[in-house]
Every structure is written in C-alpha cells, then in structure tokens.
C-alpha cells in the first residue's frame, strides 16, 4: 500500500491511497476464508464450501466487507505513521475492491491547526483574595431556618395575603367542561413568590377562608404545555385555610437538626468554610479566564469547522434545557433554527478557539488524561444525574461524547499547567459597582 498526504487547508487533510493487486486479492481471500468457516450451505460440509461457490453466492457481502476491513486497516496504519489526529468524521471516497485490479481511494478529515504558542511562562495574573461577608453567612442561616420552618394555621376569617400559604381546591374549566390535568385538592399555594400565574394568585387572594370563587385565568403564550399556551380558562377555587411559616430559633438545637453540628457556632464555621472553598475556585477560574483571554489575543489560527458546529449544537441544546426548566418552549424565542445557530456561533467559535489553544499547550507540556480520570468524571456525572455509571458511560460511548469529555479534561489540565507557571498576585476583591463597570 502506498499513500500520499495532501493539505486541503490548514485544518483539513486528504490522503490518497493506492493498493496493489496482491493486497487486493489477499483481502478478498481472507474474507472468503471467514465465510467458508462460518457459513452453512445445503450439500456442503461446514468449512468445505468451495471458494467459487462462496464468491458466487455472497459476492456482494464479501466484496463490501473486504473493502471495509482493508480500508479500516489502512486508516489506522496511515494515521499512526503520520501521527495525525482527526477531530472530525473520516470521509471515504472510493468504490469497492475488484479482483486482480489495483484499488485506489482517498480519505479526508479535519485536524488541529499548526501554530506557534506564545510564551506563557511568568505571565502576570491577578487573583482576588477570598473574603466572606458575615451578611452572606447570615443569609444562608436564614435560608436554613426557612427550610426547617413549620406551617402554622392562621385562625382568622379572611383572605390569604402575600407571604402566607393558602390551602385550596382548584379546577380549570373551558366552555363549562373541566380541563384534564388542571386541578388539585388541598393544594398548599405559597402566595407572593411568583411561582403561580398572576391571575391565579389574584383570584386566590380575593377569596375568604371557607368560601369558593371563580375567575378567568390566562396562560402565557410561551407556556411550556402548548395545549394551554395563550388560552383563557375559568378557574374555580375553594379556600380551606390559611397557614404561615413559623421559623425556628437560631440555636444549637437547630444546628443539630440541620446538619448534626454540635453548636450554632460550628454550623456557622462550616458555612464560612463552604463559602471559602467555592469562592477560592471561582476566583481562580476568573483569574485563569482573564489570563487565557490575554494569551488568545496574541495568536491567530484557523479553527476546524467540525469543532465549531459541535459547540453550536451544544449551546443550542443548553438553551433549550434552560427554557424548559423555566416552563417555556424554544418556540417562545420566536427564532428559526438558522437564526439560533447564527446567534450562538460567535460563542461557539470562542469556545473552539480556546479548546484548540489548550490542547496545543497540553501537547507541549506532555499533559495526558488517563482512562481512570475519564471514568472518575463519568462517575460524578452519573451521581449528579442519579443514574448508574454503566448507563452513563454507554450513553457517552454510543453518542461519541467520550472524546469531547477527554478533551475537556485535557484542556482543564493545560489551563492548570499555564497557571502554575504564571506570576500570580493576590489582590483585594472588587466592589460590585467596579465589577459592573
């Protein structure tokens, strides 16, 4: 086999391959031998079917499989010898093997661009000091109190107000007929937190305990269930009672119940340490981003289209999932798929450029990602998703996501490698108004 590598662009290569007759015939013979071993044909003992019969009966399958097997062998050989690393699908251009004839074909794929890295050793970087405000700690403790609050009945003959909980039965009707899926009994509805439709809350706050009422409620145009989007219905409500949250005292007993702490001081210390840990990582990440942005401004290189397209798809999917969590649909954006793609493409190009740069740094620094590190990351993903590790790994494998996961881990390691060689100076944290500027 002979081959020639051709540069179609700085990020795309084509390899033209010529296979001599003897290698073509050997590939066909190997595939036919496999068929002879495994096939059962009436009138012949297994493994004794003549070559001419196999080739006559299974010619289409034999020639197709022989071609595919030979091409796969060549791809691995050529890529290995040329130390090439495809970042896209490998496209094949050619026909099938023909006995006693030379076989020529080509493969093409995208690769990382070649460029000179800037000198990043000793680069000046500022990282904000970790500061935890007592007000922040108090807010966390207040949330803990709120989570452990008890609902207490308000024995007053009146309507519920914001900040209180109305215990209600409700059902929606359209043209006098009940709407399936829009009803509940003894539902505890917290008022004033904007979790329910505004028309619905207004109706509930107009009804006295022990009484019933009804009113029109309009669903928003971008409501997650398209069946109700933009629809106006009649909501019938009965208010059974009003409750309020009774906050527990901020004392040692609360600390024990909330997290098994010996005292409220120990719980406060744990909150402070949690803040410090997360803020340390956040401040480091922000400093690294600033450092990386300054380095990226000093280099220019082409980016493989496959990488950009992949990030475009990921960003759009993230936006769809975020909308769904907000109870909205992607249609609520009022944009075509093409408009969405154009909107996120600049961000996708920035992400891809960062990825290419950091992978180049990783190669220079000799940084690698072990299989165990990939598995560890998959374990964390599975734990967050509440799924089994094997299920998550199989999903990533089937959807060709393992390579992108490995590249992300490699990029993180490369970032740390640059940061370790940087001259990092601790500075006082900026005030909120300075951050906004």
Foldseek 3Di string as FASTA:
>chain_A
DDWDWDDPDLFKIKIKDKADQVVLVVLLVVLLQVCQQPPDDPPDDRNGDDSVVSCVVCVVVSQVVSQVVVVVVVVVVVCVVVVFDFPFDKDKAADTGDHRDMGIIMIMGTGFGDDDADDLFAAEFEFADQDDDVVVLVVVLVVLLVVPWDKDFDPDFAADDAQKWWQKWKFWDDPRHTDPPGTDHRDTHHHDPPPDAPVVNVQRRHDTAQDKDKDKGAADQFALPNVRHRHIIIMIMHTHGMIHTDGDDQWQVSVCVRPNDRISVRVSVVSSVVSRVVVNVVRVVVRLVVSLVVSLVVDDDDFPPVQLVVLLVVVVVVVQVVQVVVRGGPCVVVDDPVVSSVVCSVVSVVVRSLLSSLVVLCVVVVHADDPVNLLVVLVVVCVVVVHDSVVSVVVCVVVVNSVVSRSVVSSVVSSVVSVVSYDYDYDHDDDPVVVVD
